[in-house]
N, C-alpha and C. Protein backbone atom coordinates (compact mmCIF):
# COMPACT_ATOMS: atom_id res chain seq x y z
N UNK A 1 40.34 -65.03 162.46
CA UNK A 1 41.65 -64.99 162.95
C UNK A 1 41.51 -66.42 163.92
N UNK A 2 40.30 -66.93 164.32
CA UNK A 2 40.48 -67.87 165.07
C UNK A 2 40.79 -68.92 164.40
N UNK A 3 40.25 -69.16 162.95
CA UNK A 3 40.33 -69.72 161.80
C UNK A 3 42.39 -70.15 161.63
N UNK A 4 42.81 -69.06 161.57
CA UNK A 4 44.19 -68.65 161.54
C UNK A 4 44.81 -69.53 162.37
N UNK A 5 44.57 -69.21 163.76
CA UNK A 5 44.99 -69.88 164.88
C UNK A 5 45.00 -70.77 165.04
N UNK A 6 43.99 -71.75 164.57
CA UNK A 6 43.82 -73.09 165.17
C UNK A 6 44.48 -74.07 163.63
N UNK A 7 44.59 -73.56 162.80
CA UNK A 7 45.76 -74.20 161.59
C UNK A 7 46.96 -73.59 161.84
N UNK A 8 47.59 -72.67 162.34
CA UNK A 8 48.89 -72.53 163.25
C UNK A 8 49.21 -73.50 164.11
N UNK A 9 48.14 -73.58 164.66
CA UNK A 9 48.34 -74.62 166.30
C UNK A 9 48.63 -76.29 165.63
N UNK A 10 47.60 -76.31 164.55
CA UNK A 10 47.38 -77.73 164.38
C UNK A 10 48.77 -78.06 163.32
N UNK A 11 49.54 -77.34 162.41
CA UNK A 11 50.81 -77.16 161.97
C UNK A 11 52.00 -77.49 162.88
N UNK A 12 51.71 -76.69 164.13
CA UNK A 12 52.63 -76.43 164.96
C UNK A 12 52.86 -78.13 165.53
N UNK A 13 51.42 -78.51 165.78
CA UNK A 13 51.26 -79.71 166.53
C UNK A 13 51.96 -80.66 166.17
N UNK A 14 51.93 -80.82 164.42
CA UNK A 14 52.42 -82.09 163.96
C UNK A 14 53.88 -82.18 163.23
N UNK A 15 54.21 -80.86 163.26
CA UNK A 15 55.55 -80.22 163.27
C UNK A 15 56.59 -81.07 164.65
N UNK A 16 55.80 -80.51 165.82
CA UNK A 16 56.77 -80.96 166.90
C UNK A 16 56.46 -82.43 167.46
N UNK A 17 55.38 -83.20 166.83
CA UNK A 17 54.99 -84.47 167.08
C UNK A 17 56.15 -85.57 166.10
N UNK A 18 56.40 -84.63 165.01
CA UNK A 18 57.22 -85.49 164.04
C UNK A 18 58.50 -85.46 164.30
N UNK A 19 58.96 -84.43 165.52
CA UNK A 19 60.64 -84.46 165.86
C UNK A 19 60.76 -85.60 167.07
N UNK A 20 59.12 -86.02 167.83
CA UNK A 20 59.68 -87.08 168.99
C UNK A 20 60.47 -88.58 168.09
N UNK A 21 61.75 -88.63 169.04
CA UNK A 21 61.94 -89.94 168.74
C UNK A 21 60.92 -91.31 168.76
N UNK A 22 60.70 -92.11 167.88
CA UNK A 22 60.16 -93.30 167.43
C UNK A 22 60.91 -94.36 167.32
N UNK A 23 60.18 -95.77 168.21
CA UNK A 23 60.92 -96.59 167.41
C UNK A 23 59.60 -97.85 167.07
N UNK A 24 60.21 -98.27 165.91
CA UNK A 24 58.80 -99.21 165.11
C UNK A 24 59.80 -100.64 164.76
N UNK A 25 59.55 -101.49 165.40
CA UNK A 25 60.04 -102.87 165.40
C UNK A 25 59.39 -103.45 164.70
N UNK A 26 59.84 -104.84 164.42
CA UNK A 26 58.96 -105.80 163.94
C UNK A 26 59.15 -107.51 164.50
N UNK A 27 58.92 -108.50 164.66
CA UNK A 27 59.12 -109.76 165.23
C UNK A 27 58.91 -111.20 164.12
N UNK A 28 59.43 -111.65 164.47
CA UNK A 28 59.38 -113.07 163.51
C UNK A 28 58.52 -113.55 163.55
N UNK A 29 57.19 -113.79 163.89
CA UNK A 29 56.16 -114.38 164.04
C UNK A 29 55.02 -113.75 164.84
N UNK A 30 53.87 -114.16 164.70
CA UNK A 30 52.85 -113.83 165.53
C UNK A 30 52.58 -114.47 167.16
N UNK A 31 53.75 -115.21 167.44
CA UNK A 31 53.61 -115.97 168.71
C UNK A 31 53.54 -114.84 169.91
N UNK A 32 53.97 -113.64 169.69
CA UNK A 32 54.43 -112.34 170.71
C UNK A 32 53.40 -111.65 170.67
N UNK A 33 52.22 -111.20 169.88
CA UNK A 33 51.35 -110.52 169.94
C UNK A 33 50.24 -110.46 171.13
N UNK A 34 50.23 -109.23 171.14
CA UNK A 34 49.76 -108.96 173.00
C UNK A 34 50.68 -109.16 173.68
N UNK A 35 51.89 -108.99 173.85
CA UNK A 35 53.14 -108.61 174.63
C UNK A 35 53.20 -107.16 174.53
N UNK A 36 54.01 -106.89 175.62
CA UNK A 36 54.94 -105.66 176.06
C UNK A 36 56.37 -105.80 175.27
N UNK A 37 56.58 -104.52 174.54
CA UNK A 37 57.96 -104.25 174.12
C UNK A 37 58.19 -103.29 174.96
N UNK A 38 59.41 -103.18 175.75
CA UNK A 38 60.20 -101.91 176.67
C UNK A 38 61.46 -101.04 176.08
N UNK A 39 61.27 -100.06 176.09
CA UNK A 39 62.61 -99.41 175.72
C UNK A 39 63.17 -98.58 177.39
N UNK A 40 64.29 -99.33 177.78
CA UNK A 40 64.89 -99.34 179.29
C UNK A 40 65.94 -98.26 178.95
N UNK A 41 66.10 -97.33 179.98
CA UNK A 41 67.21 -96.52 180.04
C UNK A 41 68.11 -97.22 179.84
N UNK A 42 69.37 -97.26 179.64
CA UNK A 42 70.85 -97.63 180.21
C UNK A 42 71.48 -97.40 181.84
N UNK A 43 71.23 -95.99 181.79
CA UNK A 43 70.93 -95.63 183.21
C UNK A 43 69.82 -95.49 184.02
N UNK A 44 70.02 -95.16 185.37
CA UNK A 44 68.50 -94.87 185.81
C UNK A 44 67.33 -95.56 185.77
N UNK A 45 67.09 -96.61 185.24
CA UNK A 45 65.97 -97.11 184.49
C UNK A 45 64.95 -97.24 186.19
N UNK A 46 63.68 -96.73 186.08
CA UNK A 46 62.32 -97.18 186.98
C UNK A 46 61.18 -97.63 185.99
N UNK A 47 60.35 -97.10 187.28
CA UNK A 47 59.00 -97.43 186.39
C UNK A 47 58.54 -96.41 185.52
N UNK A 48 59.23 -95.07 186.16
CA UNK A 48 58.79 -93.75 185.69
C UNK A 48 59.81 -93.41 184.43
N UNK A 49 60.72 -94.31 184.15
CA UNK A 49 61.81 -93.53 182.96
C UNK A 49 61.63 -94.94 181.97
N UNK A 50 60.79 -95.95 181.95
CA UNK A 50 60.43 -96.85 180.85
C UNK A 50 59.61 -96.48 180.17
N UNK A 51 59.90 -96.71 178.91
CA UNK A 51 58.66 -96.41 177.72
C UNK A 51 57.95 -97.95 177.22
N UNK A 52 57.18 -98.14 176.70
CA UNK A 52 56.71 -99.13 176.57
C UNK A 52 55.19 -99.13 175.27
N UNK A 53 55.24 -100.19 174.36
CA UNK A 53 54.03 -100.32 173.57
C UNK A 53 53.57 -102.14 173.67
N UNK A 54 52.38 -102.30 173.00
CA UNK A 54 51.83 -103.56 173.00
C UNK A 54 52.38 -103.98 171.40
N UNK A 55 52.58 -105.11 171.33
CA UNK A 55 52.62 -106.42 169.91
C UNK A 55 51.46 -106.21 169.29
N UNK A 56 51.23 -106.00 167.89
CA UNK A 56 49.75 -106.25 167.05
C UNK A 56 50.14 -106.73 166.13
N UNK A 57 50.43 -107.88 165.54
CA UNK A 57 50.27 -108.27 164.60
C UNK A 57 51.92 -108.25 163.90
N UNK A 58 52.78 -108.89 165.00
CA UNK A 58 54.09 -108.59 164.78
C UNK A 58 55.23 -107.43 164.15
N UNK A 59 54.52 -106.47 165.06
CA UNK A 59 54.80 -105.03 164.73
C UNK A 59 54.38 -104.06 166.33
N UNK A 60 55.16 -103.36 166.44
CA UNK A 60 55.10 -102.67 167.83
C UNK A 60 55.93 -100.97 167.27
N UNK A 61 55.15 -100.01 168.21
CA UNK A 61 55.69 -98.73 167.77
C UNK A 61 55.73 -98.19 169.10
N UNK A 62 56.84 -97.66 169.72
CA UNK A 62 57.05 -96.81 170.82
C UNK A 62 57.37 -95.13 170.60
N UNK A 63 56.44 -94.58 170.79
CA UNK A 63 56.99 -93.14 171.28
C UNK A 63 57.86 -92.72 172.21
N UNK A 64 58.92 -92.14 172.39
CA UNK A 64 59.23 -91.89 173.44
C UNK A 64 58.84 -91.16 173.94
N UNK A 65 59.01 -90.41 175.63
CA UNK A 65 58.74 -89.78 176.33
C UNK A 65 59.56 -88.73 176.17
N UNK A 66 59.16 -87.46 176.66
CA UNK A 66 60.00 -86.37 176.51
C UNK A 66 61.53 -86.49 177.19
N UNK A 67 61.20 -87.03 178.81
CA UNK A 67 62.35 -87.14 179.29
C UNK A 67 63.61 -88.27 179.21
N UNK A 68 63.31 -88.98 177.77
CA UNK A 68 63.64 -90.03 177.27
C UNK A 68 64.50 -89.77 176.22
N UNK A 69 64.42 -88.47 175.68
CA UNK A 69 64.88 -88.30 174.51
C UNK A 69 66.43 -88.06 174.88
N UNK A 70 66.75 -88.30 173.40
CA UNK A 70 68.85 -88.48 173.46
C UNK A 70 69.32 -89.27 174.35
N UNK A 71 68.84 -90.55 174.63
CA UNK A 71 69.64 -91.20 175.45
C UNK A 71 69.54 -92.51 174.90
N UNK A 72 70.67 -93.61 175.38
CA UNK A 72 70.64 -94.86 175.03
C UNK A 72 69.82 -95.54 176.47
N UNK A 73 69.46 -96.62 175.41
CA UNK A 73 68.43 -97.52 176.18
C UNK A 73 68.45 -98.79 175.34
N UNK A 74 67.62 -99.58 176.45
CA UNK A 74 67.35 -101.39 175.61
C UNK A 74 66.52 -101.61 175.25
N UNK A 75 66.11 -101.90 173.92
CA UNK A 75 64.70 -102.52 173.90
C UNK A 75 64.72 -103.89 173.95
N UNK A 76 63.50 -104.35 174.71
CA UNK A 76 63.87 -105.70 174.90
C UNK A 76 62.31 -106.18 175.33
N UNK A 77 61.99 -107.23 175.47
CA UNK A 77 60.78 -108.24 176.22
C UNK A 77 60.75 -108.47 177.55
N UNK A 78 59.82 -109.01 178.37
CA UNK A 78 60.04 -109.90 179.27
C UNK A 78 60.90 -110.89 178.98
N UNK A 79 61.31 -110.97 180.67
CA UNK A 79 62.33 -111.90 181.00
C UNK A 79 62.22 -113.65 180.18
N UNK A 80 60.86 -113.56 180.35
CA UNK A 80 60.61 -115.48 179.72
C UNK A 80 60.57 -115.25 178.23
N UNK A 81 61.02 -114.14 177.57
CA UNK A 81 60.70 -114.16 176.16
C UNK A 81 62.50 -113.92 175.53
N UNK A 82 63.65 -113.24 176.58
CA UNK A 82 64.61 -113.16 176.14
C UNK A 82 65.84 -113.88 175.63
N UNK A 83 65.35 -115.35 175.65
CA UNK A 83 66.01 -116.73 174.91
C UNK A 83 65.55 -116.30 173.48
N UNK A 84 64.82 -116.07 173.00
CA UNK A 84 64.28 -116.04 171.64
C UNK A 84 64.18 -114.89 170.74
N UNK A 85 64.18 -113.62 171.76
CA UNK A 85 64.65 -112.68 171.28
C UNK A 85 65.57 -111.59 171.95
N UNK A 86 66.18 -111.01 171.02
CA UNK A 86 67.82 -110.65 171.71
C UNK A 86 67.21 -109.26 172.14
N UNK A 87 68.07 -108.72 173.28
CA UNK A 87 67.99 -107.53 173.47
C UNK A 87 68.95 -106.30 172.46
N UNK A 88 68.27 -105.30 172.28
CA UNK A 88 69.04 -104.25 171.18
C UNK A 88 69.49 -103.09 171.83
N UNK A 89 70.89 -102.81 171.93
CA UNK A 89 70.80 -101.27 172.10
C UNK A 89 70.12 -99.97 171.20
N UNK A 90 69.07 -98.93 171.72
CA UNK A 90 68.62 -97.78 171.08
C UNK A 90 68.91 -96.79 171.22
N UNK A 91 69.58 -95.51 170.60
CA UNK A 91 69.48 -94.27 170.86
C UNK A 91 68.48 -93.66 170.82
N UNK A 92 67.87 -92.52 171.38
CA UNK A 92 66.60 -92.20 171.40
C UNK A 92 67.01 -90.81 170.73
N UNK A 93 67.27 -90.60 169.45
CA UNK A 93 67.59 -89.57 168.78
C UNK A 93 66.01 -89.45 167.96
N UNK A 94 66.09 -87.80 167.14
CA UNK A 94 65.33 -87.31 166.36
C UNK A 94 64.88 -88.23 165.26
N UNK A 95 63.88 -89.09 164.68
CA UNK A 95 63.59 -89.76 163.97
C UNK A 95 63.01 -91.05 164.20
N UNK A 96 62.83 -91.72 163.29
CA UNK A 96 62.35 -93.27 163.30
C UNK A 96 63.46 -93.93 163.23
N UNK A 97 63.52 -94.99 164.45
CA UNK A 97 64.48 -95.90 164.79
C UNK A 97 63.73 -97.35 163.95
N UNK A 98 63.77 -97.89 163.54
CA UNK A 98 63.52 -99.31 162.81
C UNK A 98 64.26 -100.66 163.57
N UNK A 99 63.70 -101.33 164.35
CA UNK A 99 63.74 -102.49 165.02
C UNK A 99 63.73 -103.35 164.72
N UNK A 100 64.65 -104.78 164.22
CA UNK A 100 63.62 -105.88 164.22
C UNK A 100 64.17 -107.06 165.30
N UNK A 101 63.34 -107.32 166.26
CA UNK A 101 63.53 -108.01 166.81
C UNK A 101 63.48 -109.46 166.99
N UNK A 102 64.69 -110.38 166.92
CA UNK A 102 65.16 -111.74 166.74
C UNK A 102 65.87 -112.68 167.62
N UNK A 103 66.23 -113.77 167.24
CA UNK A 103 67.31 -114.30 167.91
C UNK A 103 68.68 -113.63 167.69
N UNK A 104 68.72 -112.59 166.78
CA UNK A 104 69.91 -111.52 166.65
C UNK A 104 69.25 -110.48 165.98
N UNK A 105 69.13 -109.40 167.05
CA UNK A 105 68.27 -108.58 166.74
C UNK A 105 69.12 -107.38 166.30
N UNK A 106 68.54 -106.32 165.55
CA UNK A 106 69.28 -105.35 164.59
C UNK A 106 68.29 -103.87 164.90
N UNK A 107 68.86 -102.98 164.55
CA UNK A 107 68.61 -101.66 164.89
C UNK A 107 69.46 -101.03 163.74
N UNK A 108 68.42 -99.35 163.22
CA UNK A 108 68.80 -98.68 162.53
C UNK A 108 67.84 -97.63 161.88
N UNK A 109 68.63 -96.61 161.07
CA UNK A 109 67.22 -95.63 160.28
C UNK A 109 68.18 -94.58 160.52
N UNK A 110 68.67 -94.29 162.13
CA UNK A 110 69.20 -92.71 162.26
C UNK A 110 70.71 -92.87 162.71
N UNK A 111 71.14 -91.65 162.50
CA UNK A 111 72.70 -91.90 162.30
C UNK A 111 73.66 -92.46 163.38
N UNK A 112 73.22 -92.33 164.92
CA UNK A 112 73.34 -92.59 165.67
C UNK A 112 73.30 -94.09 166.35
N UNK A 113 71.89 -94.78 165.91
CA UNK A 113 71.89 -96.31 165.86
C UNK A 113 72.23 -96.60 164.76
N UNK A 114 72.48 -96.32 163.53
CA UNK A 114 73.70 -96.85 162.46
C UNK A 114 74.76 -97.00 163.11
N UNK A 115 75.32 -96.45 163.57
CA UNK A 115 76.70 -96.50 164.68
C UNK A 115 76.63 -97.70 165.34
N UNK A 116 75.65 -97.84 166.28
CA UNK A 116 75.40 -98.84 167.19
C UNK A 116 75.50 -100.08 166.57
N UNK A 117 74.61 -100.19 165.69
CA UNK A 117 74.64 -101.50 164.79
C UNK A 117 76.09 -101.69 164.24
N UNK A 118 76.94 -100.63 163.77
CA UNK A 118 77.84 -100.71 162.95
C UNK A 118 78.95 -101.60 164.07
N UNK A 119 78.79 -101.41 165.44
CA UNK A 119 79.69 -101.46 166.57
C UNK A 119 79.11 -103.07 166.63
N UNK A 120 77.99 -103.38 166.69
CA UNK A 120 77.28 -104.82 167.03
C UNK A 120 78.01 -105.59 165.82
N UNK A 121 77.67 -105.03 164.61
CA UNK A 121 78.30 -106.17 163.58
C UNK A 121 79.43 -106.08 163.65
N UNK A 122 80.66 -105.47 164.08
CA UNK A 122 82.17 -105.54 163.96
C UNK A 122 82.02 -106.55 165.29
N UNK A 123 81.69 -106.50 166.07
CA UNK A 123 81.70 -107.61 167.56
C UNK A 123 81.14 -108.98 167.29
N UNK A 124 79.91 -109.05 166.51
CA UNK A 124 79.69 -110.66 166.20
C UNK A 124 80.79 -111.37 165.41
N UNK A 125 81.17 -110.04 164.32
CA UNK A 125 82.20 -110.73 163.65
C UNK A 125 83.61 -111.77 164.40
N UNK A 126 84.21 -110.38 165.01
CA UNK A 126 85.34 -110.61 166.32
C UNK A 126 84.89 -111.84 167.03
N UNK A 127 83.79 -111.94 167.62
CA UNK A 127 83.21 -113.21 168.66
C UNK A 127 83.50 -114.28 167.60
N UNK A 128 82.91 -114.32 166.72
CA UNK A 128 82.92 -115.75 165.65
C UNK A 128 84.60 -115.99 165.71
N UNK A 129 85.18 -115.11 164.97
CA UNK A 129 86.71 -115.37 164.62
C UNK A 129 87.12 -115.92 165.94
N UNK A 130 86.80 -115.03 167.13
CA UNK A 130 87.58 -115.39 168.27
C UNK A 130 87.29 -117.10 168.99
N UNK A 131 85.95 -117.41 169.03
CA UNK A 131 85.50 -118.81 169.15
C UNK A 131 86.02 -119.85 168.12
N UNK A 132 86.31 -119.40 166.79
CA UNK A 132 87.03 -120.37 165.98
C UNK A 132 88.38 -120.48 166.26
N UNK A 133 88.97 -119.40 166.75
CA UNK A 133 90.34 -119.68 167.01
C UNK A 133 90.91 -120.40 168.18
N UNK A 134 89.66 -120.10 169.37
CA UNK A 134 89.98 -120.93 170.28
C UNK A 134 89.77 -122.44 170.05
N UNK A 135 88.69 -122.66 169.68
CA UNK A 135 88.36 -124.05 169.33
C UNK A 135 89.63 -124.46 168.48
N UNK A 136 90.21 -123.98 167.39
CA UNK A 136 91.34 -124.27 167.15
C UNK A 136 92.65 -125.07 167.83
N UNK A 137 92.73 -124.17 168.55
CA UNK A 137 93.72 -124.04 169.83
C UNK A 137 93.72 -125.44 170.63
N UNK A 138 92.59 -125.28 171.04
CA UNK A 138 91.95 -126.38 172.05
C UNK A 138 92.65 -127.88 171.19
N UNK A 139 92.34 -128.24 169.85
CA UNK A 139 92.37 -129.34 169.10
C UNK A 139 93.85 -129.31 168.66
N UNK A 140 94.60 -128.10 168.62
CA UNK A 140 95.67 -128.28 168.34
C UNK A 140 97.25 -128.75 168.80
N UNK A 141 98.45 -129.26 168.15
CA UNK A 141 99.05 -129.70 169.24
C UNK A 141 99.87 -128.54 169.88
N UNK A 142 100.98 -128.57 170.70
CA UNK A 142 101.70 -127.75 171.28
C UNK A 142 102.36 -126.72 170.05
N UNK A 143 102.79 -127.70 169.03
CA UNK A 143 103.84 -127.23 167.73
C UNK A 143 102.88 -125.87 167.30
N UNK A 144 101.84 -125.87 167.20
CA UNK A 144 101.10 -125.06 166.51
C UNK A 144 100.05 -124.01 167.59
N UNK A 145 100.34 -123.94 168.78
CA UNK A 145 99.52 -123.53 170.27
C UNK A 145 99.99 -121.90 169.85
N UNK A 146 101.65 -121.90 169.33
CA UNK A 146 102.03 -120.32 169.82
C UNK A 146 101.72 -119.50 168.19
N UNK A 147 101.66 -120.29 167.32
CA UNK A 147 101.19 -119.37 166.29
C UNK A 147 99.86 -119.19 166.05
N UNK A 148 98.95 -120.18 166.73
CA UNK A 148 97.40 -120.06 166.96
C UNK A 148 97.11 -118.25 167.88
N UNK A 149 97.94 -118.43 169.02
CA UNK A 149 97.67 -117.68 169.98
C UNK A 149 98.05 -116.15 169.15
N UNK A 150 99.01 -116.01 168.08
CA UNK A 150 99.57 -114.99 167.67
C UNK A 150 98.21 -114.15 166.61
N UNK A 151 97.63 -115.41 165.66
CA UNK A 151 96.63 -114.71 165.28
C UNK A 151 95.01 -114.51 166.45
N UNK A 152 95.19 -115.05 167.55
CA UNK A 152 94.18 -114.63 168.41
C UNK A 152 94.53 -112.89 168.96
N UNK A 153 96.00 -113.07 168.86
CA UNK A 153 95.93 -111.30 169.50
C UNK A 153 96.03 -110.62 167.76
N UNK A 154 96.32 -110.88 166.98
CA UNK A 154 96.09 -109.77 165.79
C UNK A 154 94.97 -109.56 165.38
N UNK A 155 93.92 -110.85 165.90
CA UNK A 155 92.37 -110.78 165.93
C UNK A 155 92.14 -109.58 166.66
N UNK A 156 92.55 -109.64 168.24
CA UNK A 156 91.69 -109.02 169.09
C UNK A 156 92.28 -107.38 168.69
N UNK A 157 94.02 -106.99 168.44
CA UNK A 157 94.06 -105.82 167.64
C UNK A 157 93.51 -105.17 166.89
N UNK A 158 93.29 -105.73 165.90
CA UNK A 158 92.02 -105.08 164.64
C UNK A 158 90.65 -105.19 165.52
N UNK A 159 90.44 -105.65 166.21
CA UNK A 159 88.91 -105.00 166.40
C UNK A 159 88.78 -104.26 167.38
N UNK A 160 90.08 -104.11 168.28
CA UNK A 160 90.12 -102.97 169.23
C UNK A 160 90.54 -101.62 168.15
N UNK A 161 91.46 -101.72 166.96
CA UNK A 161 91.49 -100.71 166.63
C UNK A 161 90.04 -100.20 165.87
N UNK A 162 89.37 -101.43 165.24
CA UNK A 162 88.00 -100.41 164.55
C UNK A 162 87.52 -99.71 165.13
N UNK A 163 87.08 -100.53 166.88
CA UNK A 163 86.71 -99.68 167.77
C UNK A 163 87.43 -98.44 167.85
N UNK A 164 88.17 -98.06 168.18
CA UNK A 164 89.39 -97.02 168.66
C UNK A 164 88.64 -96.07 167.28
N UNK A 165 88.75 -96.94 165.98
CA UNK A 165 88.21 -95.64 165.15
C UNK A 165 86.92 -95.11 164.96
N UNK A 166 85.86 -95.98 165.66
CA UNK A 166 84.34 -95.55 165.63
C UNK A 166 84.19 -94.60 166.89
N UNK A 167 84.86 -95.07 167.91
CA UNK A 167 84.99 -93.70 169.00
C UNK A 167 85.69 -92.50 168.43
N UNK A 168 86.48 -92.18 167.66
CA UNK A 168 87.37 -91.17 166.94
C UNK A 168 86.13 -90.45 166.57
N UNK A 169 85.43 -91.10 165.55
CA UNK A 169 84.45 -90.49 164.98
C UNK A 169 83.44 -89.98 166.07
N UNK A 170 83.08 -90.41 166.74
CA UNK A 170 81.66 -90.27 167.61
C UNK A 170 82.28 -89.55 169.37
N UNK A 171 83.32 -89.36 169.57
CA UNK A 171 84.07 -88.61 170.59
C UNK A 171 83.13 -87.61 170.79
N UNK A 172 82.22 -86.86 170.24
CA UNK A 172 81.39 -85.56 170.35
C UNK A 172 79.90 -86.28 170.94
N UNK A 173 79.62 -87.45 170.82
CA UNK A 173 78.29 -87.70 170.80
C UNK A 173 77.67 -88.88 171.75
N UNK A 174 76.85 -88.98 172.81
CA UNK A 174 76.67 -89.82 173.18
C UNK A 174 77.02 -91.34 173.24
N UNK A 175 76.71 -91.51 172.17
CA UNK A 175 77.22 -93.00 171.78
C UNK A 175 78.40 -93.41 171.51
N UNK A 176 79.61 -92.42 171.17
CA UNK A 176 80.74 -92.36 171.70
C UNK A 176 81.12 -92.44 172.71
N UNK A 177 80.88 -91.82 173.34
CA UNK A 177 80.98 -91.83 175.02
C UNK A 177 80.98 -92.92 175.83
N UNK A 178 79.84 -93.55 175.35
CA UNK A 178 79.26 -95.23 176.14
C UNK A 178 80.18 -95.84 175.32
N UNK A 179 80.77 -96.03 174.07
CA UNK A 179 81.64 -96.78 173.63
C UNK A 179 83.17 -96.88 173.95
N UNK A 180 83.08 -95.68 174.30
CA UNK A 180 84.47 -95.16 175.03
C UNK A 180 84.55 -96.03 176.66
N UNK A 181 83.60 -95.56 177.28
CA UNK A 181 83.55 -95.81 178.61
C UNK A 181 83.32 -97.47 178.70
N UNK A 182 82.86 -98.01 177.76
CA UNK A 182 82.76 -99.69 177.73
C UNK A 182 84.31 -100.35 177.11
N UNK A 183 84.75 -99.51 176.43
CA UNK A 183 86.36 -100.32 175.70
C UNK A 183 87.64 -99.52 176.69
N UNK A 184 87.33 -98.52 177.31
CA UNK A 184 88.60 -97.70 178.19
C UNK A 184 89.54 -98.59 177.98
N UNK A 185 89.55 -99.55 178.59
CA UNK A 185 90.62 -100.50 179.28
C UNK A 185 91.58 -101.30 178.11
N UNK A 186 90.76 -101.22 177.11
CA UNK A 186 91.66 -101.42 175.54
C UNK A 186 92.44 -100.55 175.04
N UNK A 187 92.07 -98.99 175.22
CA UNK A 187 93.14 -98.31 174.18
C UNK A 187 94.47 -97.85 175.23
N UNK A 188 95.27 -97.69 174.51
CA UNK A 188 96.50 -96.90 174.80
C UNK A 188 96.04 -95.78 175.82
N UNK A 189 96.96 -95.72 176.58
CA UNK A 189 97.53 -93.85 177.09
C UNK A 189 97.32 -92.74 176.47
N UNK A 190 98.01 -93.09 175.27
CA UNK A 190 97.97 -91.95 174.02
C UNK A 190 96.82 -92.24 173.35
N UNK A 191 96.04 -93.36 173.06
CA UNK A 191 94.53 -93.24 172.34
C UNK A 191 93.91 -92.18 173.45
N UNK A 192 93.77 -92.54 174.74
CA UNK A 192 92.66 -91.66 175.84
C UNK A 192 93.45 -90.26 175.65
N UNK A 193 94.33 -90.14 175.69
CA UNK A 193 94.68 -88.49 175.59
C UNK A 193 94.01 -87.70 174.20
N UNK A 194 94.64 -88.72 173.09
CA UNK A 194 94.05 -88.13 171.79
C UNK A 194 92.69 -87.93 171.81
N UNK A 195 91.45 -88.79 172.53
CA UNK A 195 90.04 -88.66 172.65
C UNK A 195 89.76 -87.56 173.41
N UNK A 196 90.40 -87.26 174.59
CA UNK A 196 89.93 -86.28 175.15
C UNK A 196 88.89 -86.06 175.86
N UNK A 197 87.95 -87.38 175.75
CA UNK A 197 86.91 -87.36 176.54
C UNK A 197 86.46 -87.11 177.68
N UNK A 198 87.17 -87.58 178.48
CA UNK A 198 87.27 -87.26 179.98
C UNK A 198 87.30 -85.89 180.69
N UNK A 199 88.21 -85.19 179.46
CA UNK A 199 88.28 -83.96 179.61
C UNK A 199 87.31 -83.01 179.40
N UNK A 200 86.40 -83.58 178.69
CA UNK A 200 85.18 -82.95 177.95
C UNK A 200 84.30 -83.06 179.05
N UNK A 201 84.05 -83.89 180.21
CA UNK A 201 83.09 -83.92 180.90
C UNK A 201 83.12 -83.50 182.65
């Protein structure tokens, strides 16, 4: 009977451990060995709410504390290294999140972190397009300026439409609510009403 109990306990322990959110990451080279990587909650950060792990052979693994499950946070290194290694948003849902820390960082492997990465990718495309158009406007003569301004407006409208669609698809989860809070000013009153996020809070 004792043996059966120990086996069941071991199975339960493994099963419970497997459900804990885990962040597995890689870095571009061995310059960062023995440095710490942190997961910092987006809201309410303190010494008690931060999880961390040490880098070993260009990799790290952060197992999130129970009080940090199902929250959005930032994976980052100490400030002196952040010029080379970009911060990345990570939502601590069940499963393993794969993070690549680099000059342009990325994360994915779980449903909501794939959504966050999709958002980041779209924002990067938009920012690149906007920079190019603003440079074009700066170098243009007065006759071309109005046309370039229309291109900028079109690019911005397309971006915000894409963001709105992502929020619509995720309005019932924490990532969608975060995106809504950051982009609310760009939504029309009709879009805000259709989403109905504030009515659910």
